[in-house]
Amino acid sequence: MQNGILVSNIEFLPGYSVTQHLGLVQGSTVRAKHVGRDMMAGLKNIVGGELKGYTELLVESRQEAVERMLQQAKAMGANAVINVRFSTANITVGASEILAYGTAVVVTRG
């Protein structure tokens, strides 16, 4: 549960019944690479290993996109978002969009 809203990447929530379908909700953010992260990434390309600066950037971006999606769901009166998915797209050199989307619903126990 995030922000009082149940979130699931499957089409249902075990133990709950969907009582109302409210529609598609989405949240996105566009983030650019940081010069310092780019320099470290260049070094990692030579020696290998995880690009931790980029990993952190993607984690922060996904969290922001999900938060925006949940705000939209809450504004619609949802208490759950099901079938959540993520998508990424390059916007321009050095900048990418992270999109989180799902179906806003009202669920009850049982």
PDB file of N, CA and C in Angstrom:
ATOM      1  N   MET A   1       0.851  -1.174   0.000  1.00  0.00           N
ATOM      2  CA  MET A   1       0.000   0.000   0.000  1.00  0.00           C
ATOM      3  C   MET A   1       0.896   1.236   0.000  1.00  0.00           C
ATOM      4  N   GLN A   2       0.583   2.180  -0.876  1.00  0.00           N
ATOM      5  CA  GLN A   2       1.315   3.435  -0.970  1.00  0.00           C
ATOM      6  C   GLN A   2       0.313   4.579  -0.943  1.00  0.00           C
ATOM      7  N   ASN A   3       0.541   5.545  -0.075  1.00  0.00           N
ATOM      8  CA  ASN A   3      -0.362   6.699   0.020  1.00  0.00           C
ATOM      9  C   ASN A   3      -1.811   6.292   0.264  1.00  0.00           C
ATOM     10  N   GLY A   4      -2.023   5.189   0.972  1.00  0.00           N
ATOM     11  CA  GLY A   4      -3.377   4.724   1.246  1.00  0.00           C
ATOM     12  C   GLY A   4      -4.038   4.031   0.065  1.00  0.00           C
ATOM     13  N   ILE A   5      -3.272   3.769  -0.982  1.00  0.00           N
ATOM     14  CA  ILE A   5      -3.807   3.122  -2.184  1.00  0.00           C
ATOM     15  C   ILE A   5      -3.076   1.803  -2.389  1.00  0.00           C
ATOM     16  N   LEU A   6      -3.855   0.746  -2.595  1.00  0.00           N
ATOM     17  CA  LEU A   6      -3.271  -0.555  -2.908  1.00  0.00           C
ATOM     18  C   LEU A   6      -2.743  -0.528  -4.341  1.00  0.00           C
ATOM     19  N   VAL A   7      -1.583  -1.113  -4.561  1.00  0.00           N
ATOM     20  CA  VAL A   7      -0.953  -1.112  -5.880  1.00  0.00           C
ATOM     21  C   VAL A   7      -0.566  -2.543  -6.231  1.00  0.00           C
ATOM     22  N   SER A   8      -0.916  -2.962  -7.453  1.00  0.00           N
ATOM     23  CA  SER A   8      -0.599  -4.321  -7.874  1.00  0.00           C
ATOM     24  C   SER A   8      -0.223  -4.340  -9.353  1.00  0.00           C
ATOM     25  N   ASN A   9       0.721  -5.202  -9.697  1.00  0.00           N
ATOM     26  CA  ASN A   9       1.066  -5.361 -11.106  1.00  0.00           C
ATOM     27  C   ASN A   9       0.280  -6.496 -11.764  1.00  0.00           C
ATOM     28  N   ILE A  10      -0.669  -7.071 -11.049  1.00  0.00           N
ATOM     29  CA  ILE A  10      -1.559  -8.076 -11.644  1.00  0.00           C
ATOM     30  C   ILE A  10      -2.955  -7.476 -11.784  1.00  0.00           C
ATOM     31  N   GLU A  11      -3.843  -8.189 -12.453  1.00  0.00           N
ATOM     32  CA  GLU A  11      -5.153  -7.640 -12.807  1.00  0.00           C
ATOM     33  C   GLU A  11      -6.184  -7.696 -11.688  1.00  0.00           C
ATOM     34  N   PHE A  12      -5.792  -8.199 -10.539  1.00  0.00           N
ATOM     35  CA  PHE A  12      -6.723  -8.287  -9.418  1.00  0.00           C
ATOM     36  C   PHE A  12      -5.924  -8.230  -8.131  1.00  0.00           C
ATOM     37  N   LEU A  13      -6.621  -8.077  -7.030  1.00  0.00           N
ATOM     38  CA  LEU A  13      -5.977  -8.101  -5.718  1.00  0.00           C
ATOM     39  C   LEU A  13      -6.567  -9.273  -4.945  1.00  0.00           C
ATOM     40  N   PRO A  14      -5.783 -10.274  -4.620  1.00  0.00           N
ATOM     41  CA  PRO A  14      -6.297 -11.409  -3.863  1.00  0.00           C
ATOM     42  C   PRO A  14      -6.975 -10.940  -2.574  1.00  0.00           C
ATOM     43  N   GLY A  15      -8.187 -11.441  -2.333  1.00  0.00           N
ATOM     44  CA  GLY A  15      -8.926 -11.076  -1.135  1.00  0.00           C
ATOM     45  C   GLY A  15      -9.779  -9.831  -1.290  1.00  0.00           C
ATOM     46  N   TYR A  16      -9.760  -9.221  -2.471  1.00  0.00           N
ATOM     47  CA  TYR A  16     -10.541  -8.012  -2.735  1.00  0.00           C
ATOM     48  C   TYR A  16     -11.400  -8.212  -3.976  1.00  0.00           C
ATOM     49  N   SER A  17     -12.500  -7.483  -4.029  1.00  0.00           N
ATOM     50  CA  SER A  17     -13.359  -7.473  -5.216  1.00  0.00           C
ATOM     51  C   SER A  17     -13.385  -6.073  -5.798  1.00  0.00           C
ATOM     52  N   VAL A  18     -13.261  -5.986  -7.106  1.00  0.00           N
ATOM     53  CA  VAL A  18     -13.358  -4.689  -7.780  1.00  0.00           C
ATOM     54  C   VAL A  18     -14.836  -4.328  -7.856  1.00  0.00           C
ATOM     55  N   THR A  19     -15.191  -3.190  -7.272  1.00  0.00           N
ATOM     56  CA  THR A  19     -16.587  -2.756  -7.279  1.00  0.00           C
ATOM     57  C   THR A  19     -16.817  -1.613  -8.261  1.00  0.00           C
ATOM     58  N   GLN A  20     -15.737  -0.948  -8.663  1.00  0.00           N
ATOM     59  CA  GLN A  20     -15.874   0.151  -9.614  1.00  0.00           C
ATOM     60  C   GLN A  20     -14.588   0.303 -10.408  1.00  0.00           C
ATOM     61  N   HIS A  21     -14.743   0.434 -11.719  1.00  0.00           N
ATOM     62  CA  HIS A  21     -13.619   0.650 -12.625  1.00  0.00           C
ATOM     63  C   HIS A  21     -13.605   2.129 -12.977  1.00  0.00           C
ATOM     64  N   LEU A  22     -12.511   2.832 -12.654  1.00  0.00           N
ATOM     65  CA  LEU A  22     -12.455   4.281 -12.867  1.00  0.00           C
ATOM     66  C   LEU A  22     -11.654   4.688 -14.095  1.00  0.00           C
ATOM     67  N   GLY A  23     -10.845   3.790 -14.617  1.00  0.00           N
ATOM     68  CA  GLY A  23     -10.110   4.081 -15.843  1.00  0.00           C
ATOM     69  C   GLY A  23      -8.604   4.152 -15.682  1.00  0.00           C
ATOM     70  N   LEU A  24      -7.974   4.510 -16.770  1.00  0.00           N
ATOM     71  CA  LEU A  24      -6.519   4.575 -16.858  1.00  0.00           C
ATOM     72  C   LEU A  24      -5.977   5.740 -16.036  1.00  0.00           C
ATOM     73  N   VAL A  25      -4.908   5.479 -15.305  1.00  0.00           N
ATOM     74  CA  VAL A  25      -4.165   6.533 -14.615  1.00  0.00           C
ATOM     75  C   VAL A  25      -2.703   6.399 -15.000  1.00  0.00           C
ATOM     76  N   GLN A  26      -2.030   7.531 -14.997  1.00  0.00           N
ATOM     77  CA  GLN A  26      -0.622   7.510 -15.381  1.00  0.00           C
ATOM     78  C   GLN A  26       0.142   8.613 -14.686  1.00  0.00           C
ATOM     79  N   GLY A  27       1.421   8.416 -14.596  1.00  0.00           N
ATOM     80  CA  GLY A  27       2.315   9.422 -14.051  1.00  0.00           C
ATOM     81  C   GLY A  27       3.637   9.295 -14.763  1.00  0.00           C
ATOM     82  N   SER A  28       4.272  10.416 -15.035  1.00  0.00           N
ATOM     83  CA  SER A  28       5.556  10.347 -15.722  1.00  0.00           C
ATOM     84  C   SER A  28       6.501  11.421 -15.213  1.00  0.00           C
ATOM     85  N   THR A  29       7.746  11.238 -15.528  1.00  0.00           N
ATOM     86  CA  THR A  29       8.775  12.225 -15.244  1.00  0.00           C
ATOM     87  C   THR A  29       9.832  12.106 -16.335  1.00  0.00           C
ATOM     88  N   VAL A  30      10.423  13.223 -16.669  1.00  0.00           N
ATOM     89  CA  VAL A  30      11.527  13.238 -17.625  1.00  0.00           C
ATOM     90  C   VAL A  30      12.763  13.673 -16.855  1.00  0.00           C
ATOM     91  N   ARG A  31      13.794  12.881 -16.940  1.00  0.00           N
ATOM     92  CA  ARG A  31      15.025  13.155 -16.193  1.00  0.00           C
ATOM     93  C   ARG A  31      16.210  13.195 -17.148  1.00  0.00           C
ATOM     94  N   ALA A  32      17.136  14.074 -16.827  1.00  0.00           N
ATOM     95  CA  ALA A  32      18.374  14.185 -17.605  1.00  0.00           C
ATOM     96  C   ALA A  32      19.524  13.604 -16.810  1.00  0.00           C
ATOM     97  N   LYS A  33      20.524  13.146 -17.523  1.00  0.00           N
ATOM     98  CA  LYS A  33      21.726  12.633 -16.882  1.00  0.00           C
ATOM     99  C   LYS A  33      22.505  13.767 -16.237  1.00  0.00           C
ATOM    100  N   HIS A  34      23.231  13.454 -15.198  1.00  0.00           N
ATOM    101  CA  HIS A  34      24.058  14.404 -14.463  1.00  0.00           C
ATOM    102  C   HIS A  34      25.495  14.265 -14.968  1.00  0.00           C
ATOM    103  N   VAL A  35      26.182  15.384 -15.170  1.00  0.00           N
ATOM    104  CA  VAL A  35      27.552  15.364 -15.704  1.00  0.00           C
ATOM    105  C   VAL A  35      28.449  14.453 -14.870  1.00  0.00           C
ATOM    106  N   GLY A  36      28.371  14.551 -13.546  1.00  0.00           N
ATOM    107  CA  GLY A  36      29.189  13.706 -12.672  1.00  0.00           C
ATOM    108  C   GLY A  36      28.888  12.228 -12.878  1.00  0.00           C
ATOM    109  N   ARG A  37      27.611  11.918 -13.028  1.00  0.00           N
ATOM    110  CA  ARG A  37      27.230  10.517 -13.268  1.00  0.00           C
ATOM    111  C   ARG A  37      27.748  10.046 -14.618  1.00  0.00           C
ATOM    112  N   ASP A  38      27.719  10.936 -15.623  1.00  0.00           N
ATOM    113  CA  ASP A  38      28.215  10.582 -16.949  1.00  0.00           C
ATOM    114  C   ASP A  38      29.697  10.254 -16.929  1.00  0.00           C
ATOM    115  N   MET A  39      30.463  11.038 -16.175  1.00  0.00           N
ATOM    116  CA  MET A  39      31.915  10.789 -16.100  1.00  0.00           C
ATOM    117  C   MET A  39      32.179   9.438 -15.443  1.00  0.00           C
ATOM    118  N   MET A  40      31.461   9.159 -14.351  1.00  0.00           N
ATOM    119  CA  MET A  40      31.650   7.874 -13.666  1.00  0.00           C
ATOM    120  C   MET A  40      31.190   6.717 -14.563  1.00  0.00           C
ATOM    121  N   ALA A  41      30.128   6.931 -15.324  1.00  0.00           N
ATOM    122  CA  ALA A  41      29.646   5.894 -16.232  1.00  0.00           C
ATOM    123  C   ALA A  41      30.689   5.600 -17.305  1.00  0.00           C
ATOM    124  N   GLY A  42      31.359   6.643 -17.777  1.00  0.00           N
ATOM    125  CA  GLY A  42      32.413   6.452 -18.768  1.00  0.00           C
ATOM    126  C   GLY A  42      33.534   5.587 -18.229  1.00  0.00           C
ATOM    127  N   LEU A  43      33.916   5.811 -16.973  1.00  0.00           N
ATOM    128  CA  LEU A  43      34.947   4.983 -16.348  1.00  0.00           C
ATOM    129  C   LEU A  43      34.469   3.541 -16.184  1.00  0.00           C
ATOM    130  N   LYS A  44      33.206   3.358 -15.778  1.00  0.00           N
ATOM    131  CA  LYS A  44      32.670   2.006 -15.589  1.00  0.00           C
ATOM    132  C   LYS A  44      32.608   1.247 -16.910  1.00  0.00           C
ATOM    133  N   ASN A  45      32.389   1.970 -18.011  1.00  0.00           N
ATOM    134  CA  ASN A  45      32.363   1.310 -19.318  1.00  0.00           C
ATOM    135  C   ASN A  45      33.717   0.690 -19.643  1.00  0.00           C
ATOM    136  N   ILE A  46      34.773   1.265 -19.091  1.00  0.00           N
ATOM    137  CA  ILE A  46      36.121   0.748 -19.341  1.00  0.00           C
ATOM    138  C   ILE A  46      36.391  -0.483 -18.478  1.00  0.00           C
ATOM    139  N   VAL A  47      36.063  -0.385 -17.181  1.00  0.00           N
ATOM    140  CA  VAL A  47      36.396  -1.467 -16.252  1.00  0.00           C
ATOM    141  C   VAL A  47      35.237  -2.416 -15.968  1.00  0.00           C
ATOM    142  N   GLY A  48      34.025  -2.030 -16.337  1.00  0.00           N
ATOM    143  CA  GLY A  48      32.855  -2.880 -16.107  1.00  0.00           C
ATOM    144  C   GLY A  48      32.249  -2.645 -14.738  1.00  0.00           C
ATOM    145  N   GLY A  49      31.048  -3.133 -14.550  1.00  0.00           N
ATOM    146  CA  GLY A  49      30.350  -3.011 -13.272  1.00  0.00           C
ATOM    147  C   GLY A  49      29.062  -2.215 -13.388  1.00  0.00           C
ATOM    148  N   GLU A  50      28.350  -2.166 -12.279  1.00  0.00           N
ATOM    149  CA  GLU A  50      27.069  -1.464 -12.230  1.00  0.00           C
ATOM    150  C   GLU A  50      27.277   0.046 -12.293  1.00  0.00           C
ATOM    151  N   LEU A  51      26.423   0.707 -13.031  1.00  0.00           N
ATOM    152  CA  LEU A  51      26.435   2.167 -13.109  1.00  0.00           C
ATOM    153  C   LEU A  51      25.492   2.680 -12.027  1.00  0.00           C
ATOM    154  N   LYS A  52      26.008   2.745 -10.803  1.00  0.00           N
ATOM    155  CA  LYS A  52      25.163   3.051  -9.638  1.00  0.00           C
ATOM    156  C   LYS A  52      24.488   4.406  -9.731  1.00  0.00           C
ATOM    157  N   GLY A  53      25.139   5.397 -10.295  1.00  0.00           N
ATOM    158  CA  GLY A  53      24.531   6.715 -10.460  1.00  0.00           C
ATOM    159  C   GLY A  53      23.281   6.637 -11.320  1.00  0.00           C
ATOM    160  N   TYR A  54      23.341   5.846 -12.390  1.00  0.00           N
ATOM    161  CA  TYR A  54      22.173   5.684 -13.263  1.00  0.00           C
ATOM    162  C   TYR A  54      21.102   4.837 -12.591  1.00  0.00           C
ATOM    163  N   THR A  55      21.525   3.836 -11.833  1.00  0.00           N
ATOM    164  CA  THR A  55      20.559   3.012 -11.102  1.00  0.00           C
ATOM    165  C   THR A  55      19.766   3.884 -10.137  1.00  0.00           C
ATOM    166  N   GLU A  56      20.457   4.745  -9.399  1.00  0.00           N
ATOM    167  CA  GLU A  56      19.783   5.660  -8.467  1.00  0.00           C
ATOM    168  C   GLU A  56      18.834   6.600  -9.206  1.00  0.00           C
ATOM    169  N   LEU A  57      19.272   7.108 -10.354  1.00  0.00           N
ATOM    170  CA  LEU A  57      18.443   8.005 -11.157  1.00  0.00           C
ATOM    171  C   LEU A  57      17.153   7.304 -11.584  1.00  0.00           C
ATOM    172  N   LEU A  58      17.254   6.055 -12.016  1.00  0.00           N
ATOM    173  CA  LEU A  58      16.066   5.311 -12.451  1.00  0.00           C
ATOM    174  C   LEU A  58      15.141   4.981 -11.283  1.00  0.00           C
ATOM    175  N   VAL A  59      15.700   4.642 -10.132  1.00  0.00           N
ATOM    176  CA  VAL A  59      14.884   4.367  -8.950  1.00  0.00           C
ATOM    177  C   VAL A  59      14.090   5.615  -8.563  1.00  0.00           C
ATOM    178  N   GLU A  60      14.766   6.754  -8.510  1.00  0.00           N
ATOM    179  CA  GLU A  60      14.099   8.016  -8.175  1.00  0.00           C
ATOM    180  C   GLU A  60      13.025   8.351  -9.207  1.00  0.00           C
ATOM    181  N   SER A  61      13.323   8.122 -10.472  1.00  0.00           N
ATOM    182  CA  SER A  61      12.369   8.420 -11.546  1.00  0.00           C
ATOM    183  C   SER A  61      11.134   7.536 -11.446  1.00  0.00           C
ATOM    184  N   ARG A  62      11.318   6.249 -11.190  1.00  0.00           N
ATOM    185  CA  ARG A  62      10.165   5.336 -11.048  1.00  0.00           C
ATOM    186  C   ARG A  62       9.314   5.745  -9.863  1.00  0.00           C
ATOM    187  N   GLN A  63       9.947   6.095  -8.750  1.00  0.00           N
ATOM    188  CA  GLN A  63       9.195   6.519  -7.563  1.00  0.00           C
ATOM    189  C   GLN A  63       8.365   7.765  -7.857  1.00  0.00           C
ATOM    190  N   GLU A  64       8.954   8.725  -8.542  1.00  0.00           N
ATOM    191  CA  GLU A  64       8.245   9.963  -8.901  1.00  0.00           C
ATOM    192  C   GLU A  64       7.062   9.658  -9.822  1.00  0.00           C
ATOM    193  N   ALA A  65       7.278   8.811 -10.826  1.00  0.00           N
ATOM    194  CA  ALA A  65       6.205   8.465 -11.764  1.00  0.00           C
ATOM    195  C   ALA A  65       5.060   7.753 -11.046  1.00  0.00           C
ATOM    196  N   VAL A  66       5.387   6.827 -10.152  1.00  0.00           N
ATOM    197  CA  VAL A  66       4.350   6.104  -9.398  1.00  0.00           C
ATOM    198  C   VAL A  66       3.586   7.073  -8.504  1.00  0.00           C
ATOM    199  N   GLU A  67       4.285   7.963  -7.835  1.00  0.00           N
ATOM    200  CA  GLU A  67       3.635   8.946  -6.965  1.00  0.00           C
ATOM    201  C   GLU A  67       2.640   9.795  -7.747  1.00  0.00           C
ATOM    202  N   ARG A  68       3.015  10.226  -8.926  1.00  0.00           N
ATOM    203  CA  ARG A  68       2.109  11.025  -9.760  1.00  0.00           C
ATOM    204  C   ARG A  68       0.908  10.204 -10.230  1.00  0.00           C
ATOM    205  N   MET A  69       1.138   8.947 -10.555  1.00  0.00           N
ATOM    206  CA  MET A  69       0.043   8.063 -10.943  1.00  0.00           C
ATOM    207  C   MET A  69      -0.944   7.905  -9.786  1.00  0.00           C
ATOM    208  N   LEU A  70      -0.408   7.699  -8.575  1.00  0.00           N
ATOM    209  CA  LEU A  70      -1.270   7.504  -7.406  1.00  0.00           C
ATOM    210  C   LEU A  70      -2.036   8.773  -7.050  1.00  0.00           C
ATOM    211  N   GLN A  71      -1.436   9.928  -7.238  1.00  0.00           N
ATOM    212  CA  GLN A  71      -2.149  11.187  -7.010  1.00  0.00           C
ATOM    213  C   GLN A  71      -3.343  11.301  -7.958  1.00  0.00           C
ATOM    214  N   GLN A  72      -3.149  10.913  -9.203  1.00  0.00           N
ATOM    215  CA  GLN A  72      -4.237  10.952 -10.179  1.00  0.00           C
ATOM    216  C   GLN A  72      -5.339   9.968  -9.777  1.00  0.00           C
ATOM    217  N   ALA A  73      -4.948   8.774  -9.338  1.00  0.00           N
ATOM    218  CA  ALA A  73      -5.923   7.768  -8.926  1.00  0.00           C
ATOM    219  C   ALA A  73      -6.731   8.255  -7.723  1.00  0.00           C
ATOM    220  N   LYS A  74      -6.042   8.841  -6.755  1.00  0.00           N
ATOM    221  CA  LYS A  74      -6.708   9.350  -5.556  1.00  0.00           C
ATOM    222  C   LYS A  74      -7.712  10.444  -5.924  1.00  0.00           C
ATOM    223  N   ALA A  75      -7.333  11.323  -6.848  1.00  0.00           N
ATOM    224  CA  ALA A  75      -8.223  12.401  -7.293  1.00  0.00           C
ATOM    225  C   ALA A  75      -9.482  11.849  -7.972  1.00  0.00           C
ATOM    226  N   MET A  76      -9.391  10.656  -8.548  1.00  0.00           N
ATOM    227  CA  MET A  76     -10.541  10.021  -9.203  1.00  0.00           C
ATOM    228  C   MET A  76     -11.412   9.259  -8.206  1.00  0.00           C
ATOM    229  N   GLY A  77     -10.927   9.099  -6.974  1.00  0.00           N
ATOM    230  CA  GLY A  77     -11.685   8.366  -5.967  1.00  0.00           C
ATOM    231  C   GLY A  77     -11.305   6.903  -5.832  1.00  0.00           C
ATOM    232  N   ALA A  78     -10.181   6.507  -6.398  1.00  0.00           N
ATOM    233  CA  ALA A  78      -9.727   5.114  -6.341  1.00  0.00           C
ATOM    234  C   ALA A  78      -9.096   4.796  -4.992  1.00  0.00           C
ATOM    235  N   ASN A  79      -9.192   3.545  -4.593  1.00  0.00           N
ATOM    236  CA  ASN A  79      -8.443   3.077  -3.428  1.00  0.00           C
ATOM    237  C   ASN A  79      -7.456   1.983  -3.828  1.00  0.00           C
ATOM    238  N   ALA A  80      -7.353   1.733  -5.146  1.00  0.00           N
ATOM    239  CA  ALA A  80      -6.395   0.750  -5.656  1.00  0.00           C
ATOM    240  C   ALA A  80      -6.070   1.061  -7.118  1.00  0.00           C
ATOM    241  N   VAL A  81      -4.864   0.660  -7.518  1.00  0.00           N
ATOM    242  CA  VAL A  81      -4.461   0.710  -8.924  1.00  0.00           C
ATOM    243  C   VAL A  81      -3.926  -0.671  -9.260  1.00  0.00           C
ATOM    244  N   ILE A  82      -4.522  -1.278 -10.251  1.00  0.00           N
ATOM    245  CA  ILE A  82      -4.133  -2.636 -10.639  1.00  0.00           C
ATOM    246  C   ILE A  82      -3.497  -2.627 -12.027  1.00  0.00           C
ATOM    247  N   ASN A  83      -2.842  -3.738 -12.345  1.00  0.00           N
ATOM    248  CA  ASN A  83      -2.202  -3.939 -13.643  1.00  0.00           C
ATOM    249  C   ASN A  83      -1.181  -2.828 -13.943  1.00  0.00           C
ATOM    250  N   VAL A  84      -0.394  -2.451 -12.946  1.00  0.00           N
ATOM    251  CA  VAL A  84       0.587  -1.371 -13.080  1.00  0.00           C
ATOM    252  C   VAL A  84       1.742  -1.826 -13.967  1.00  0.00           C
ATOM    253  N   ARG A  85       2.135  -0.941 -14.861  1.00  0.00           N
ATOM    254  CA  ARG A  85       3.238  -1.194 -15.782  1.00  0.00           C
ATOM    255  C   ARG A  85       4.136   0.038 -15.843  1.00  0.00           C
ATOM    256  N   PHE A  86       5.358  -0.166 -16.343  1.00  0.00           N
ATOM    257  CA  PHE A  86       6.311   0.916 -16.549  1.00  0.00           C
ATOM    258  C   PHE A  86       6.749   0.922 -18.001  1.00  0.00           C
ATOM    259  N   SER A  87       7.069   2.109 -18.478  1.00  0.00           N
ATOM    260  CA  SER A  87       7.587   2.262 -19.828  1.00  0.00           C
ATOM    261  C   SER A  87       8.651   3.353 -19.794  1.00  0.00           C
ATOM    262  N   THR A  88       9.634   3.241 -20.661  1.00  0.00           N
ATOM    263  CA  THR A  88      10.659   4.278 -20.769  1.00  0.00           C
ATOM    264  C   THR A  88      10.792   4.693 -22.229  1.00  0.00           C
ATOM    265  N   ALA A  89      11.202   5.929 -22.423  1.00  0.00           N
ATOM    266  CA  ALA A  89      11.428   6.432 -23.777  1.00  0.00           C
ATOM    267  C   ALA A  89      12.508   7.501 -23.728  1.00  0.00           C
ATOM    268  N   ASN A  90      13.353   7.520 -24.741  1.00  0.00           N
ATOM    269  CA  ASN A  90      14.344   8.598 -24.872  1.00  0.00           C
ATOM    270  C   ASN A  90      13.633   9.820 -25.438  1.00  0.00           C
ATOM    271  N   ILE A  91      13.794  10.947 -24.771  1.00  0.00           N
ATOM    272  CA  ILE A  91      13.171  12.185 -25.215  1.00  0.00           C
ATOM    273  C   ILE A  91      14.147  12.968 -26.102  1.00  0.00           C
ATOM    274  N   THR A  92      15.383  13.052 -25.655  1.00  0.00           N
ATOM    275  CA  THR A  92      16.451  13.707 -26.390  1.00  0.00           C
ATOM    276  C   THR A  92      17.759  13.115 -25.884  1.00  0.00           C
ATOM    277  N   VAL A  93      18.863  13.497 -26.460  1.00  0.00           N
ATOM    278  CA  VAL A  93      20.146  12.969 -26.012  1.00  0.00           C
ATOM    279  C   VAL A  93      20.336  13.320 -24.535  1.00  0.00           C
ATOM    280  N   GLY A  94      20.495  12.299 -23.718  1.00  0.00           N
ATOM    281  CA  GLY A  94      20.752  12.509 -22.303  1.00  0.00           C
ATOM    282  C   GLY A  94      19.518  12.665 -21.434  1.00  0.00           C
ATOM    283  N   ALA A  95      18.296  12.567 -22.008  1.00  0.00           N
ATOM    284  CA  ALA A  95      17.078  12.699 -21.203  1.00  0.00           C
ATOM    285  C   ALA A  95      16.096  11.593 -21.564  1.00  0.00           C
ATOM    286  N   SER A  96      15.493  11.010 -20.535  1.00  0.00           N
ATOM    287  CA  SER A  96      14.540   9.917 -20.728  1.00  0.00           C
ATOM    288  C   SER A  96      13.277  10.146 -19.922  1.00  0.00           C
ATOM    289  N   GLU A  97      12.173   9.600 -20.423  1.00  0.00           N
ATOM    290  CA  GLU A  97      10.907   9.639 -19.707  1.00  0.00           C
ATOM    291  C   GLU A  97      10.659   8.278 -19.079  1.00  0.00           C
ATOM    292  N   ILE A  98      10.188   8.282 -17.852  1.00  0.00           N
ATOM    293  CA  ILE A  98       9.706   7.077 -17.189  1.00  0.00           C
ATOM    294  C   ILE A  98       8.207   7.269 -17.024  1.00  0.00           C
ATOM    295  N   LEU A  99       7.427   6.310 -17.475  1.00  0.00           N
ATOM    296  CA  LEU A  99       5.973   6.368 -17.390  1.00  0.00           C
ATOM    297  C   LEU A  99       5.478   5.191 -16.566  1.00  0.00           C
ATOM    298  N   ALA A 100       4.642   5.472 -15.572  1.00  0.00           N
ATOM    299  CA  ALA A 100       3.961   4.425 -14.803  1.00  0.00           C
ATOM    300  C   ALA A 100       2.483   4.547 -15.129  1.00  0.00           C
ATOM    301  N   TYR A 101       1.824   3.424 -15.410  1.00  0.00           N
ATOM    302  CA  TYR A 101       0.402   3.473 -15.725  1.00  0.00           C
ATOM    303  C   TYR A 101      -0.298   2.225 -15.221  1.00  0.00           C
ATOM    304  N   GLY A 102      -1.582   2.359 -14.989  1.00  0.00           N
ATOM    305  CA  GLY A 102      -2.376   1.244 -14.493  1.00  0.00           C
ATOM    306  C   GLY A 102      -3.852   1.594 -14.559  1.00  0.00           C
ATOM    307  N   THR A 103      -4.662   0.753 -13.946  1.00  0.00           N
ATOM    308  CA  THR A 103      -6.107   0.933 -13.937  1.00  0.00           C
ATOM    309  C   THR A 103      -6.557   1.304 -12.534  1.00  0.00           C
ATOM    310  N   ALA A 104      -7.197   2.464 -12.413  1.00  0.00           N
ATOM    311  CA  ALA A 104      -7.715   2.919 -11.129  1.00  0.00           C
ATOM    312  C   ALA A 104      -9.041   2.214 -10.866  1.00  0.00           C
ATOM    313  N   VAL A 105      -9.173   1.662  -9.661  1.00  0.00           N
ATOM    314  CA  VAL A 105     -10.392   0.940  -9.295  1.00  0.00           C
ATOM    315  C   VAL A 105     -10.751   1.239  -7.836  1.00  0.00           C
ATOM    316  N   VAL A 106     -11.974   0.878  -7.493  1.00  0.00           N
ATOM    317  CA  VAL A 106     -12.415   0.863  -6.106  1.00  0.00           C
ATOM    318  C   VAL A 106     -12.587  -0.598  -5.760  1.00  0.00           C
ATOM    319  N   VAL A 107     -11.972  -1.014  -4.660  1.00  0.00           N
ATOM    320  CA  VAL A 107     -12.058  -2.412  -4.223  1.00  0.00           C
ATOM    321  C   VAL A 107     -12.625  -2.479  -2.797  1.00  0.00           C
ATOM    322  N   THR A 108     -13.213  -3.644  -2.502  1.00  0.00           N
ATOM    323  CA  THR A 108     -13.666  -3.932  -1.136  1.00  0.00           C
ATOM    324  C   THR A 108     -13.127  -5.291  -0.745  1.00  0.00           C
ATOM    325  N   ARG A 109     -12.975  -5.504   0.536  1.00  0.00           N
ATOM    326  CA  ARG A 109     -12.511  -6.805   1.053  1.00  0.00           C
ATOM    327  C   ARG A 109     -13.540  -7.869   0.745  1.00  0.00           C
ATOM    328  N   GLY A 110     -13.023  -9.018   0.316  1.00  0.00           N
ATOM    329  CA  GLY A 110     -13.928 -10.164   0.130  1.00  0.00           C
ATOM    330  C   GLY A 110     -14.292 -10.492  -1.218  1.00  0.00           C
TER     331      GLY A 110
END
